[in-house]
Amino acid sequence: MVGIELKDDRLGTIATEISLAKGETKKITKKTLAIETVTSFAEASGLFYVGEEKKYVKANACVTVKVT
């Protein structure tokens, strides 16, 4: 996959222009300070090729961080 972007509804753009080979993973971090319980939604999008054809894909995730 190429041109991968990772965006979060609260933190904004976390990473851009990431490339991953088949089966490759990558850890991406962004530090922030939470002073209250927060739910965050993230989306990763990018494209890959099947032969000469471009395929655009998206993945979504949601996490709630509880501050006690």
C-alpha atoms as a PDB file:
ATOM      1  CA  MET A   1       0.000   0.000   0.000  1.00  0.00           C
ATOM      2  CA  VAL A   2       1.136   3.517  -0.677  1.00  0.00           C
ATOM      3  CA  GLY A   3       0.037   7.008   0.260  1.00  0.00           C
ATOM      4  CA  ILE A   4      -1.385   5.890   3.593  1.00  0.00           C
ATOM      5  CA  GLU A   5      -2.756   8.643   5.855  1.00  0.00           C
ATOM      6  CA  LEU A   6      -3.738   8.209   9.486  1.00  0.00           C
ATOM      7  CA  LYS A   7      -6.163  10.789  10.917  1.00  0.00           C
ATOM      8  CA  ASP A   8      -7.869  11.111  14.283  1.00  0.00           C
ATOM      9  CA  ASP A   9     -10.979  13.179  15.001  1.00  0.00           C
ATOM     10  CA  ARG A  10      -9.367  14.795  18.079  1.00  0.00           C
ATOM     11  CA  LEU A  11      -5.641  14.690  17.310  1.00  0.00           C
ATOM     12  CA  GLY A  12      -5.879  15.547  13.616  1.00  0.00           C
ATOM     13  CA  THR A  13      -3.410  14.109  11.122  1.00  0.00           C
ATOM     14  CA  ILE A  14      -1.076  11.663  12.820  1.00  0.00           C
ATOM     15  CA  ALA A  15       0.914  10.400   9.830  1.00  0.00           C
ATOM     16  CA  THR A  16       0.978  10.806   6.045  1.00  0.00           C
ATOM     17  CA  GLU A  17       2.658   9.255   3.028  1.00  0.00           C
ATOM     18  CA  ILE A  18       3.290   5.904   4.719  1.00  0.00           C
ATOM     19  CA  SER A  19       4.061   2.890   2.531  1.00  0.00           C
ATOM     20  CA  LEU A  20       3.709  -0.741   3.591  1.00  0.00           C
ATOM     21  CA  ALA A  21       4.810  -3.874   1.767  1.00  0.00           C
ATOM     22  CA  LYS A  22       2.571  -6.952   1.780  1.00  0.00           C
ATOM     23  CA  GLY A  23       2.434  -8.332   5.333  1.00  0.00           C
ATOM     24  CA  GLU A  24       4.395  -5.388   6.781  1.00  0.00           C
ATOM     25  CA  THR A  25       3.208  -3.576   9.901  1.00  0.00           C
ATOM     26  CA  LYS A  26       4.273  -0.241  11.329  1.00  0.00           C
ATOM     27  CA  LYS A  27       3.787   1.251  14.789  1.00  0.00           C
ATOM     28  CA  ILE A  28       2.832   4.930  14.771  1.00  0.00           C
ATOM     29  CA  THR A  29       2.487   6.956  17.958  1.00  0.00           C
ATOM     30  CA  LYS A  30       1.372  10.425  18.926  1.00  0.00           C
ATOM     31  CA  LYS A  31       1.526  11.653  22.503  1.00  0.00           C
ATOM     32  CA  THR A  32      -1.222  13.648  24.137  1.00  0.00           C
ATOM     33  CA  LEU A  33      -2.479  14.431  27.636  1.00  0.00           C
ATOM     34  CA  ALA A  34      -5.927  13.234  28.681  1.00  0.00           C
ATOM     35  CA  ILE A  35      -7.434  14.890  31.767  1.00  0.00           C
ATOM     36  CA  GLU A  36     -10.846  13.284  31.382  1.00  0.00           C
ATOM     37  CA  THR A  37     -12.279  10.145  29.808  1.00  0.00           C
ATOM     38  CA  VAL A  38     -12.241  10.532  26.031  1.00  0.00           C
ATOM     39  CA  THR A  39     -13.409   8.533  23.017  1.00  0.00           C
ATOM     40  CA  SER A  40     -11.442   8.955  19.825  1.00  0.00           C
ATOM     41  CA  PHE A  41     -12.139   7.804  16.267  1.00  0.00           C
ATOM     42  CA  ALA A  42      -9.333   7.187  13.767  1.00  0.00           C
ATOM     43  CA  GLU A  43      -9.261   6.406  10.053  1.00  0.00           C
ATOM     44  CA  ALA A  44      -6.450   5.071   7.886  1.00  0.00           C
ATOM     45  CA  SER A  45      -6.746   5.344   4.123  1.00  0.00           C
ATOM     46  CA  GLY A  46      -4.472   4.497   1.228  1.00  0.00           C
ATOM     47  CA  LEU A  47      -4.268   2.697  -2.071  1.00  0.00           C
ATOM     48  CA  PHE A  48      -2.830  -0.466  -3.502  1.00  0.00           C
ATOM     49  CA  TYR A  49      -2.569  -1.935  -6.955  1.00  0.00           C
ATOM     50  CA  VAL A  50      -4.122  -5.120  -8.285  1.00  0.00           C
ATOM     51  CA  GLY A  51      -2.242  -5.455 -11.550  1.00  0.00           C
ATOM     52  CA  GLU A  52      -2.690  -2.059 -13.167  1.00  0.00           C
ATOM     53  CA  GLU A  53      -5.884  -1.267 -11.252  1.00  0.00           C
ATOM     54  CA  LYS A  54      -5.834   1.110  -8.247  1.00  0.00           C
ATOM     55  CA  LYS A  55      -7.859   0.108  -5.185  1.00  0.00           C
ATOM     56  CA  TYR A  56      -8.626   2.734  -2.539  1.00  0.00           C
ATOM     57  CA  VAL A  57      -9.187   1.376   0.963  1.00  0.00           C
ATOM     58  CA  LYS A  58     -10.116   2.705   4.414  1.00  0.00           C
ATOM     59  CA  ALA A  59      -9.992   1.240   7.900  1.00  0.00           C
ATOM     60  CA  ASN A  60     -11.592   2.698  11.030  1.00  0.00           C
ATOM     61  CA  ALA A  61     -10.964   2.282  14.747  1.00  0.00           C
ATOM     62  CA  CYS A  62     -12.465   3.635  17.949  1.00  0.00           C
ATOM     63  CA  VAL A  63     -10.954   3.718  21.415  1.00  0.00           C
ATOM     64  CA  THR A  64     -12.126   5.049  24.778  1.00  0.00           C
ATOM     65  CA  VAL A  65      -9.462   6.049  27.287  1.00  0.00           C
ATOM     66  CA  LYS A  66     -10.853   6.207  30.830  1.00  0.00           C
ATOM     67  CA  VAL A  67      -9.102   8.616  33.183  1.00  0.00           C
ATOM     68  CA  THR A  68      -9.545   7.674  36.828  1.00  0.00           C
END
